[in-house]
Amino acid sequence: LTSADHCTWKGVTCHNDAITTLSLAMQGLSQHMTMFPLTLLEHAYFEDNNICGNYTVVEDTAVGDRNPLKVLSLSNNKLRNVVGMEYFPNLINLILHGNYFLGEFKITDETFPAESLKSLDLSSNNLSLVSGLEKLTSLELLNLSENFLAGNFIIAKSLSKLKGLYLSRNKLTGLE
């Protein structure tokens, strides 16, 4: 985004000529997507496009742990994986509803902003397992509805801040 008038572009919100919000919902975005963190970007909305495959974040060493992104919505695309979420240490809300995630969704210290994430929406995918939830100690809202989770769902004791848990339309038999 190099144009001097980028703040007048559709879907772009700025503060002091720096992009703070990208709202690119229903814009026909497609193919593999790589995002380079923008210095002051706090909100990014890419829902209802045709973004396929992996969503990859490329490390921006100039921004590092100061990256201010708080909300990232990639709902209703065709994603199969997200890579590089650790480069968003201030991420609060991650919305991945309605994608093509299949099987196990792994949350690790190396791939997720464990300390900051308060809301995670993985609903309407094809998940049979979500591992590593215990690492998300700040999590307040978890939506795993409309997947293929089966058996007992075990809530980790480390999720003591959890206020909302959505598990409907799965094949669960119990909650521990």
N, C-alpha and C. Protein backbone atom coordinates (compact mmCIF):
# COMPACT_ATOMS: atom_id res chain seq x y z
N LEU A 1 0.85 -1.18 0.00
CA LEU A 1 0.00 0.00 0.00
C LEU A 1 0.89 1.24 0.00
N THR A 2 1.22 1.69 -1.17
CA THR A 2 2.18 2.78 -1.27
C THR A 2 1.57 4.09 -1.73
N SER A 3 0.35 4.07 -2.20
CA SER A 3 -0.28 5.29 -2.69
C SER A 3 -0.43 6.30 -1.56
N ALA A 4 -0.17 7.55 -1.85
CA ALA A 4 -0.28 8.61 -0.85
C ALA A 4 -1.71 8.78 -0.36
N ASP A 5 -2.66 8.36 -1.17
CA ASP A 5 -4.06 8.52 -0.78
C ASP A 5 -4.68 7.19 -0.32
N HIS A 6 -3.89 6.29 0.19
CA HIS A 6 -4.40 4.97 0.59
C HIS A 6 -5.51 5.07 1.64
N CYS A 7 -5.54 6.12 2.40
CA CYS A 7 -6.57 6.26 3.43
C CYS A 7 -7.95 6.54 2.85
N THR A 8 -8.03 6.83 1.57
CA THR A 8 -9.32 7.06 0.93
C THR A 8 -9.84 5.81 0.23
N TRP A 9 -9.04 4.74 0.20
CA TRP A 9 -9.44 3.52 -0.47
C TRP A 9 -10.59 2.85 0.28
N LYS A 10 -11.45 2.18 -0.47
CA LYS A 10 -12.57 1.44 0.11
C LYS A 10 -12.04 0.35 1.04
N GLY A 11 -12.59 0.29 2.25
CA GLY A 11 -12.21 -0.73 3.21
C GLY A 11 -10.98 -0.41 4.04
N VAL A 12 -10.42 0.77 3.87
CA VAL A 12 -9.23 1.16 4.61
C VAL A 12 -9.57 2.29 5.57
N THR A 13 -9.20 2.11 6.83
CA THR A 13 -9.36 3.16 7.84
C THR A 13 -7.98 3.51 8.36
N CYS A 14 -7.73 4.81 8.49
CA CYS A 14 -6.42 5.27 8.92
C CYS A 14 -6.51 6.17 10.14
N HIS A 15 -5.38 6.30 10.79
CA HIS A 15 -5.18 7.28 11.86
C HIS A 15 -3.80 7.87 11.61
N ASN A 16 -3.75 9.17 11.38
CA ASN A 16 -2.49 9.85 11.06
C ASN A 16 -1.77 9.18 9.89
N ASP A 17 -2.49 8.89 8.83
CA ASP A 17 -1.98 8.28 7.60
C ASP A 17 -1.48 6.85 7.75
N ALA A 18 -1.69 6.25 8.90
CA ALA A 18 -1.30 4.84 9.09
C ALA A 18 -2.56 3.99 9.09
N ILE A 19 -2.53 2.87 8.38
CA ILE A 19 -3.69 1.99 8.28
C ILE A 19 -3.90 1.29 9.62
N THR A 20 -5.11 1.46 10.18
CA THR A 20 -5.47 0.81 11.44
C THR A 20 -6.50 -0.30 11.25
N THR A 21 -7.31 -0.21 10.18
CA THR A 21 -8.32 -1.22 9.91
C THR A 21 -8.38 -1.51 8.42
N LEU A 22 -8.42 -2.81 8.09
CA LEU A 22 -8.67 -3.26 6.73
C LEU A 22 -9.98 -4.05 6.76
N SER A 23 -10.97 -3.59 6.02
CA SER A 23 -12.26 -4.27 5.92
C SER A 23 -12.45 -4.70 4.47
N LEU A 24 -12.01 -5.91 4.17
CA LEU A 24 -12.04 -6.38 2.79
C LEU A 24 -12.95 -7.59 2.64
N ALA A 25 -14.08 -7.54 3.33
CA ALA A 25 -15.08 -8.61 3.23
C ALA A 25 -15.74 -8.56 1.86
N MET A 26 -16.07 -9.74 1.34
CA MET A 26 -16.79 -9.88 0.07
C MET A 26 -16.15 -9.09 -1.07
N GLN A 27 -14.83 -9.16 -1.17
CA GLN A 27 -14.12 -8.44 -2.22
C GLN A 27 -13.55 -9.36 -3.29
N GLY A 28 -13.90 -10.64 -3.22
CA GLY A 28 -13.42 -11.57 -4.24
C GLY A 28 -11.95 -11.95 -4.09
N LEU A 29 -11.39 -11.75 -2.90
CA LEU A 29 -10.00 -12.15 -2.67
C LEU A 29 -9.91 -13.65 -2.80
N SER A 30 -8.85 -14.12 -3.44
CA SER A 30 -8.72 -15.56 -3.62
C SER A 30 -7.26 -15.97 -3.62
N GLN A 31 -7.07 -17.24 -3.85
CA GLN A 31 -5.74 -17.84 -3.89
C GLN A 31 -5.12 -17.89 -2.50
N HIS A 32 -3.87 -18.28 -2.46
CA HIS A 32 -3.09 -18.33 -1.22
C HIS A 32 -2.85 -16.89 -0.77
N MET A 33 -2.93 -16.64 0.52
CA MET A 33 -2.78 -15.28 1.01
C MET A 33 -1.65 -15.21 2.01
N THR A 34 -0.76 -14.25 1.81
CA THR A 34 0.32 -13.97 2.75
C THR A 34 0.13 -12.55 3.23
N MET A 35 0.18 -12.37 4.54
CA MET A 35 -0.02 -11.03 5.09
C MET A 35 1.26 -10.54 5.74
N PHE A 36 1.68 -9.37 5.33
CA PHE A 36 2.81 -8.71 5.96
C PHE A 36 2.22 -7.77 7.00
N PRO A 37 2.56 -7.95 8.27
CA PRO A 37 1.97 -7.08 9.29
C PRO A 37 2.24 -5.61 9.01
N LEU A 38 1.21 -4.81 9.16
CA LEU A 38 1.33 -3.37 9.01
C LEU A 38 1.54 -2.77 10.39
N THR A 39 2.36 -1.76 10.48
CA THR A 39 2.83 -1.23 11.75
C THR A 39 1.73 -0.88 12.74
N LEU A 40 0.63 -0.29 12.29
CA LEU A 40 -0.43 0.13 13.21
C LEU A 40 -1.77 -0.59 12.98
N LEU A 41 -1.78 -1.64 12.20
CA LEU A 41 -3.02 -2.36 11.90
C LEU A 41 -3.56 -3.04 13.16
N GLU A 42 -4.80 -2.69 13.54
CA GLU A 42 -5.43 -3.27 14.73
C GLU A 42 -6.56 -4.23 14.39
N HIS A 43 -7.22 -4.02 13.25
CA HIS A 43 -8.38 -4.83 12.87
C HIS A 43 -8.26 -5.22 11.40
N ALA A 44 -8.41 -6.51 11.11
CA ALA A 44 -8.36 -7.00 9.72
C ALA A 44 -9.53 -7.94 9.49
N TYR A 45 -10.36 -7.58 8.53
CA TYR A 45 -11.56 -8.35 8.22
C TYR A 45 -11.50 -8.82 6.76
N PHE A 46 -11.34 -10.13 6.57
CA PHE A 46 -11.25 -10.72 5.24
C PHE A 46 -12.33 -11.77 5.03
N GLU A 47 -13.45 -11.66 5.72
CA GLU A 47 -14.46 -12.70 5.65
C GLU A 47 -15.21 -12.68 4.32
N ASP A 48 -15.80 -13.84 4.03
CA ASP A 48 -16.65 -14.02 2.85
C ASP A 48 -15.91 -13.73 1.53
N ASN A 49 -14.73 -14.30 1.41
CA ASN A 49 -13.96 -14.24 0.17
C ASN A 49 -13.71 -15.67 -0.29
N ASN A 50 -12.75 -15.88 -1.14
CA ASN A 50 -12.37 -17.21 -1.61
C ASN A 50 -10.90 -17.48 -1.32
N ILE A 51 -10.44 -17.05 -0.17
CA ILE A 51 -9.04 -17.26 0.20
C ILE A 51 -8.84 -18.74 0.46
N CYS A 52 -7.92 -19.36 -0.27
CA CYS A 52 -7.75 -20.80 -0.25
C CYS A 52 -6.45 -21.23 0.42
N GLY A 53 -6.43 -22.48 0.87
CA GLY A 53 -5.18 -23.09 1.33
C GLY A 53 -4.72 -22.57 2.67
N ASN A 54 -3.50 -22.06 2.71
CA ASN A 54 -2.89 -21.56 3.94
C ASN A 54 -2.99 -20.06 4.04
N TYR A 55 -3.19 -19.59 5.25
CA TYR A 55 -3.08 -18.16 5.54
C TYR A 55 -1.76 -18.03 6.28
N THR A 56 -0.81 -17.34 5.68
CA THR A 56 0.54 -17.27 6.23
C THR A 56 0.87 -15.85 6.61
N VAL A 57 1.39 -15.67 7.81
CA VAL A 57 1.87 -14.37 8.27
C VAL A 57 3.38 -14.38 8.18
N VAL A 58 3.93 -13.37 7.52
CA VAL A 58 5.37 -13.25 7.40
C VAL A 58 5.87 -12.34 8.50
N GLU A 59 6.89 -12.79 9.22
CA GLU A 59 7.43 -12.01 10.33
C GLU A 59 7.93 -10.67 9.85
N ASP A 60 7.55 -9.63 10.55
CA ASP A 60 8.04 -8.28 10.29
C ASP A 60 8.89 -7.90 11.49
N THR A 61 10.20 -8.03 11.37
CA THR A 61 11.09 -7.81 12.50
C THR A 61 11.07 -6.36 12.98
N ALA A 62 10.66 -5.44 12.13
CA ALA A 62 10.57 -4.03 12.54
C ALA A 62 9.43 -3.82 13.52
N VAL A 63 8.39 -4.65 13.41
CA VAL A 63 7.23 -4.52 14.29
C VAL A 63 7.40 -5.43 15.51
N GLY A 64 7.77 -6.68 15.25
CA GLY A 64 8.02 -7.64 16.32
C GLY A 64 6.88 -7.75 17.30
N ASP A 65 7.20 -7.78 18.60
CA ASP A 65 6.16 -7.98 19.61
C ASP A 65 5.30 -6.74 19.84
N ARG A 66 5.55 -5.69 19.09
CA ARG A 66 4.73 -4.49 19.18
C ARG A 66 3.57 -4.51 18.19
N ASN A 67 3.45 -5.58 17.40
CA ASN A 67 2.39 -5.64 16.41
C ASN A 67 1.05 -5.48 17.11
N PRO A 68 0.27 -4.47 16.73
CA PRO A 68 -0.96 -4.15 17.46
C PRO A 68 -2.22 -4.89 17.02
N LEU A 69 -2.12 -5.82 16.04
CA LEU A 69 -3.33 -6.47 15.56
C LEU A 69 -4.10 -7.13 16.70
N LYS A 70 -5.38 -6.75 16.84
CA LYS A 70 -6.22 -7.26 17.91
C LYS A 70 -7.33 -8.17 17.39
N VAL A 71 -7.84 -7.90 16.19
CA VAL A 71 -8.95 -8.67 15.64
C VAL A 71 -8.58 -9.13 14.23
N LEU A 72 -8.71 -10.42 13.99
CA LEU A 72 -8.48 -10.98 12.66
C LEU A 72 -9.64 -11.90 12.33
N SER A 73 -10.38 -11.54 11.28
CA SER A 73 -11.51 -12.35 10.85
C SER A 73 -11.24 -12.89 9.44
N LEU A 74 -11.21 -14.20 9.36
CA LEU A 74 -11.02 -14.90 8.09
C LEU A 74 -12.17 -15.87 7.86
N SER A 75 -13.33 -15.56 8.41
CA SER A 75 -14.46 -16.48 8.33
C SER A 75 -14.99 -16.61 6.91
N ASN A 76 -15.58 -17.77 6.66
CA ASN A 76 -16.23 -18.07 5.38
C ASN A 76 -15.29 -17.89 4.18
N ASN A 77 -14.16 -18.55 4.27
CA ASN A 77 -13.23 -18.65 3.16
C ASN A 77 -13.00 -20.14 2.89
N LYS A 78 -11.89 -20.49 2.31
CA LYS A 78 -11.58 -21.89 2.02
C LYS A 78 -10.21 -22.26 2.59
N LEU A 79 -9.94 -21.75 3.78
CA LEU A 79 -8.64 -21.99 4.41
C LEU A 79 -8.54 -23.40 4.96
N ARG A 80 -7.34 -23.97 4.90
CA ARG A 80 -7.06 -25.28 5.46
C ARG A 80 -6.07 -25.20 6.61
N ASN A 81 -5.39 -24.05 6.73
CA ASN A 81 -4.36 -23.90 7.76
C ASN A 81 -4.07 -22.42 7.98
N VAL A 82 -3.64 -22.09 9.18
CA VAL A 82 -3.12 -20.75 9.48
C VAL A 82 -1.71 -20.93 10.03
N VAL A 83 -0.80 -20.12 9.54
CA VAL A 83 0.60 -20.22 9.93
C VAL A 83 1.10 -18.84 10.32
N GLY A 84 1.76 -18.75 11.46
CA GLY A 84 2.39 -17.49 11.85
C GLY A 84 1.59 -16.60 12.79
N MET A 85 0.58 -17.15 13.44
CA MET A 85 -0.21 -16.33 14.37
C MET A 85 0.64 -15.80 15.53
N GLU A 86 1.77 -16.45 15.79
CA GLU A 86 2.63 -16.00 16.88
C GLU A 86 3.19 -14.60 16.64
N TYR A 87 3.14 -14.13 15.40
CA TYR A 87 3.61 -12.78 15.10
C TYR A 87 2.59 -11.72 15.46
N PHE A 88 1.46 -12.14 15.99
CA PHE A 88 0.42 -11.22 16.46
C PHE A 88 0.25 -11.40 17.97
N PRO A 89 1.21 -10.97 18.77
CA PRO A 89 1.17 -11.23 20.22
C PRO A 89 0.06 -10.49 20.95
N ASN A 90 -0.58 -9.53 20.30
CA ASN A 90 -1.66 -8.77 20.94
C ASN A 90 -3.04 -9.16 20.41
N LEU A 91 -3.10 -10.25 19.65
CA LEU A 91 -4.37 -10.70 19.07
C LEU A 91 -5.34 -11.11 20.18
N ILE A 92 -6.54 -10.54 20.14
CA ILE A 92 -7.57 -10.80 21.14
C ILE A 92 -8.67 -11.69 20.57
N ASN A 93 -9.03 -11.45 19.31
CA ASN A 93 -10.17 -12.12 18.71
C ASN A 93 -9.76 -12.72 17.36
N LEU A 94 -9.84 -14.05 17.25
CA LEU A 94 -9.51 -14.75 16.01
C LEU A 94 -10.74 -15.50 15.54
N ILE A 95 -11.22 -15.15 14.35
CA ILE A 95 -12.45 -15.71 13.81
C ILE A 95 -12.11 -16.52 12.56
N LEU A 96 -12.26 -17.84 12.66
CA LEU A 96 -11.94 -18.75 11.55
C LEU A 96 -13.15 -19.60 11.19
N HIS A 97 -14.33 -19.12 11.49
CA HIS A 97 -15.61 -19.80 11.23
C HIS A 97 -15.76 -20.11 9.74
N GLY A 98 -16.30 -21.28 9.43
CA GLY A 98 -16.71 -21.58 8.08
C GLY A 98 -15.60 -21.72 7.06
N ASN A 99 -14.54 -22.42 7.43
CA ASN A 99 -13.45 -22.68 6.50
C ASN A 99 -13.37 -24.17 6.23
N TYR A 100 -12.24 -24.63 5.73
CA TYR A 100 -12.06 -26.03 5.37
C TYR A 100 -11.05 -26.74 6.28
N PHE A 101 -10.96 -26.32 7.54
CA PHE A 101 -10.07 -27.00 8.46
C PHE A 101 -10.58 -28.42 8.66
N LEU A 102 -9.69 -29.38 8.59
CA LEU A 102 -10.08 -30.78 8.61
C LEU A 102 -9.25 -31.54 9.63
N GLY A 103 -9.91 -32.39 10.42
CA GLY A 103 -9.19 -33.23 11.38
C GLY A 103 -8.78 -32.46 12.62
N GLU A 104 -7.49 -32.47 12.92
CA GLU A 104 -6.99 -31.85 14.15
C GLU A 104 -6.54 -30.42 13.91
N PHE A 105 -6.93 -29.54 14.81
CA PHE A 105 -6.46 -28.16 14.82
C PHE A 105 -5.53 -28.05 16.02
N LYS A 106 -4.23 -27.79 15.77
CA LYS A 106 -3.23 -27.77 16.83
C LYS A 106 -2.90 -26.35 17.26
N ILE A 107 -2.94 -26.15 18.57
CA ILE A 107 -2.55 -24.88 19.15
C ILE A 107 -1.27 -25.13 19.94
N THR A 108 -0.20 -24.46 19.53
CA THR A 108 1.08 -24.62 20.22
C THR A 108 1.61 -23.25 20.61
N ASP A 109 2.58 -23.22 21.52
CA ASP A 109 3.20 -21.96 21.91
C ASP A 109 3.85 -21.28 20.71
N GLU A 110 4.33 -22.06 19.78
CA GLU A 110 5.03 -21.52 18.63
C GLU A 110 4.09 -20.98 17.56
N THR A 111 2.83 -21.35 17.61
CA THR A 111 1.93 -20.96 16.52
C THR A 111 0.77 -20.06 16.93
N PHE A 112 0.62 -19.78 18.22
CA PHE A 112 -0.52 -18.97 18.65
C PHE A 112 -0.13 -17.97 19.73
N PRO A 113 -0.79 -16.82 19.76
CA PRO A 113 -0.55 -15.82 20.80
C PRO A 113 -1.29 -16.22 22.08
N ALA A 114 -0.73 -17.14 22.82
CA ALA A 114 -1.42 -17.78 23.93
C ALA A 114 -1.83 -16.80 25.04
N GLU A 115 -1.02 -15.81 25.33
CA GLU A 115 -1.33 -14.93 26.47
C GLU A 115 -2.46 -13.95 26.19
N SER A 116 -2.63 -13.52 24.94
CA SER A 116 -3.57 -12.44 24.65
C SER A 116 -4.94 -12.89 24.14
N LEU A 117 -5.03 -14.06 23.51
CA LEU A 117 -6.25 -14.45 22.82
C LEU A 117 -7.41 -14.66 23.81
N LYS A 118 -8.49 -13.90 23.60
CA LYS A 118 -9.67 -13.99 24.46
C LYS A 118 -10.85 -14.67 23.77
N SER A 119 -10.86 -14.65 22.45
CA SER A 119 -11.99 -15.23 21.73
C SER A 119 -11.47 -15.99 20.51
N LEU A 120 -11.90 -17.24 20.39
CA LEU A 120 -11.51 -18.10 19.27
C LEU A 120 -12.75 -18.76 18.70
N ASP A 121 -13.00 -18.53 17.42
CA ASP A 121 -14.16 -19.12 16.75
C ASP A 121 -13.67 -20.05 15.65
N LEU A 122 -13.85 -21.34 15.88
CA LEU A 122 -13.50 -22.38 14.90
C LEU A 122 -14.76 -23.12 14.46
N SER A 123 -15.91 -22.51 14.61
CA SER A 123 -17.17 -23.18 14.28
C SER A 123 -17.31 -23.40 12.78
N SER A 124 -18.16 -24.36 12.44
CA SER A 124 -18.49 -24.67 11.05
C SER A 124 -17.27 -25.01 10.20
N ASN A 125 -16.45 -25.88 10.73
CA ASN A 125 -15.34 -26.44 9.99
C ASN A 125 -15.54 -27.95 9.96
N ASN A 126 -14.49 -28.71 9.78
CA ASN A 126 -14.58 -30.17 9.77
C ASN A 126 -13.60 -30.75 10.77
N LEU A 127 -13.59 -30.19 11.97
CA LEU A 127 -12.62 -30.58 12.98
C LEU A 127 -13.11 -31.77 13.79
N SER A 128 -12.21 -32.72 14.01
CA SER A 128 -12.52 -33.85 14.88
C SER A 128 -11.78 -33.72 16.22
N LEU A 129 -10.80 -32.82 16.28
CA LEU A 129 -10.00 -32.64 17.49
C LEU A 129 -9.40 -31.24 17.50
N VAL A 130 -9.40 -30.60 18.66
CA VAL A 130 -8.68 -29.34 18.86
C VAL A 130 -7.74 -29.58 20.02
N SER A 131 -6.45 -29.55 19.74
CA SER A 131 -5.46 -29.82 20.79
C SER A 131 -4.73 -28.55 21.18
N GLY A 132 -4.33 -28.49 22.45
CA GLY A 132 -3.56 -27.35 22.94
C GLY A 132 -4.38 -26.21 23.52
N LEU A 133 -5.68 -26.42 23.69
CA LEU A 133 -6.53 -25.35 24.23
C LEU A 133 -6.05 -24.86 25.59
N GLU A 134 -5.42 -25.75 26.37
CA GLU A 134 -4.96 -25.37 27.72
C GLU A 134 -3.93 -24.26 27.68
N LYS A 135 -3.31 -24.02 26.54
CA LYS A 135 -2.31 -22.96 26.40
C LYS A 135 -2.95 -21.57 26.32
N LEU A 136 -4.23 -21.52 25.99
CA LEU A 136 -4.94 -20.25 25.82
C LEU A 136 -5.53 -19.79 27.14
N THR A 137 -4.69 -19.43 28.07
CA THR A 137 -5.10 -19.15 29.45
C THR A 137 -5.94 -17.87 29.60
N SER A 138 -5.96 -17.01 28.61
CA SER A 138 -6.78 -15.79 28.68
C SER A 138 -8.12 -15.95 27.97
N LEU A 139 -8.37 -17.14 27.42
CA LEU A 139 -9.56 -17.37 26.62
C LEU A 139 -10.85 -17.18 27.43
N GLU A 140 -11.76 -16.36 26.89
CA GLU A 140 -13.06 -16.11 27.52
C GLU A 140 -14.21 -16.70 26.70
N LEU A 141 -14.01 -16.83 25.38
CA LEU A 141 -15.05 -17.34 24.50
C LEU A 141 -14.44 -18.34 23.53
N LEU A 142 -15.06 -19.52 23.46
CA LEU A 142 -14.60 -20.56 22.54
C LEU A 142 -15.81 -21.12 21.81
N ASN A 143 -15.78 -21.03 20.48
CA ASN A 143 -16.87 -21.55 19.68
C ASN A 143 -16.34 -22.67 18.79
N LEU A 144 -16.76 -23.89 19.10
CA LEU A 144 -16.40 -25.08 18.33
C LEU A 144 -17.63 -25.76 17.76
N SER A 145 -18.74 -25.04 17.70
CA SER A 145 -19.98 -25.64 17.22
C SER A 145 -19.88 -26.02 15.75
N GLU A 146 -20.73 -26.96 15.34
CA GLU A 146 -20.83 -27.41 13.97
C GLU A 146 -19.51 -27.95 13.41
N ASN A 147 -18.93 -28.88 14.15
CA ASN A 147 -17.74 -29.60 13.71
C ASN A 147 -18.04 -31.09 13.83
N PHE A 148 -17.01 -31.91 13.93
CA PHE A 148 -17.18 -33.35 14.08
C PHE A 148 -16.50 -33.85 15.35
N LEU A 149 -16.54 -33.03 16.39
CA LEU A 149 -15.96 -33.42 17.68
C LEU A 149 -16.81 -34.54 18.26
N ALA A 150 -16.16 -35.56 18.83
CA ALA A 150 -16.89 -36.71 19.36
C ALA A 150 -16.34 -37.09 20.73
N GLY A 151 -17.14 -37.86 21.48
CA GLY A 151 -16.72 -38.32 22.80
C GLY A 151 -16.91 -37.26 23.85
N ASN A 152 -16.11 -37.33 24.92
CA ASN A 152 -16.17 -36.34 26.00
C ASN A 152 -15.29 -35.14 25.65
N PHE A 153 -15.81 -33.96 25.92
CA PHE A 153 -15.02 -32.75 25.74
C PHE A 153 -14.48 -32.37 27.11
N ILE A 154 -13.16 -32.31 27.23
CA ILE A 154 -12.52 -32.01 28.51
C ILE A 154 -12.09 -30.56 28.53
N ILE A 155 -12.57 -29.83 29.53
CA ILE A 155 -12.20 -28.42 29.69
C ILE A 155 -10.99 -28.35 30.60
N ALA A 156 -9.90 -27.82 30.09
CA ALA A 156 -8.66 -27.72 30.86
C ALA A 156 -8.85 -26.74 32.02
N LYS A 157 -8.27 -27.06 33.17
CA LYS A 157 -8.36 -26.19 34.35
C LYS A 157 -7.71 -24.83 34.10
N SER A 158 -6.79 -24.76 33.15
CA SER A 158 -6.12 -23.49 32.84
C SER A 158 -7.05 -22.51 32.13
N LEU A 159 -8.24 -22.97 31.70
CA LEU A 159 -9.21 -22.09 31.04
C LEU A 159 -10.17 -21.48 32.06
N SER A 160 -9.64 -21.00 33.15
CA SER A 160 -10.47 -20.48 34.25
C SER A 160 -11.21 -19.20 33.90
N LYS A 161 -10.81 -18.49 32.87
CA LYS A 161 -11.48 -17.25 32.47
C LYS A 161 -12.60 -17.48 31.45
N LEU A 162 -12.79 -18.73 31.04
CA LEU A 162 -13.79 -19.06 30.02
C LEU A 162 -15.19 -18.72 30.51
N LYS A 163 -15.89 -17.87 29.76
CA LYS A 163 -17.25 -17.45 30.09
C LYS A 163 -18.27 -18.02 29.12
N GLY A 164 -17.83 -18.29 27.88
CA GLY A 164 -18.73 -18.82 26.86
C GLY A 164 -18.10 -19.98 26.13
N LEU A 165 -18.82 -21.10 26.08
CA LEU A 165 -18.35 -22.29 25.39
C LEU A 165 -19.49 -22.81 24.53
N TYR A 166 -19.26 -22.86 23.22
CA TYR A 166 -20.28 -23.28 22.28
C TYR A 166 -19.83 -24.57 21.60
N LEU A 167 -20.61 -25.62 21.82
CA LEU A 167 -20.26 -26.95 21.32
C LEU A 167 -21.40 -27.62 20.56
N SER A 168 -22.45 -26.90 20.24
CA SER A 168 -23.61 -27.51 19.59
C SER A 168 -23.26 -28.10 18.23
N ARG A 169 -24.09 -29.04 17.81
CA ARG A 169 -23.98 -29.70 16.50
C ARG A 169 -22.63 -30.39 16.32
N ASN A 170 -22.22 -31.10 17.34
CA ASN A 170 -21.09 -32.00 17.30
C ASN A 170 -21.61 -33.37 17.69
N LYS A 171 -20.72 -34.33 17.89
CA LYS A 171 -21.12 -35.67 18.30
C LYS A 171 -20.59 -35.96 19.70
N LEU A 172 -20.64 -34.96 20.55
CA LEU A 172 -20.12 -35.10 21.91
C LEU A 172 -21.09 -35.88 22.78
N THR A 173 -20.51 -36.67 23.68
CA THR A 173 -21.33 -37.45 24.60
C THR A 173 -21.26 -36.93 26.03
N GLY A 174 -20.33 -36.04 26.30
CA GLY A 174 -20.20 -35.52 27.66
C GLY A 174 -19.25 -34.34 27.72
N LEU A 175 -19.23 -33.74 28.91
CA LEU A 175 -18.40 -32.57 29.17
C LEU A 175 -17.72 -32.77 30.51
N GLU A 176 -16.42 -32.65 30.55
CA GLU A 176 -15.65 -32.83 31.81
C GLU A 176 -14.90 -31.56 32.12
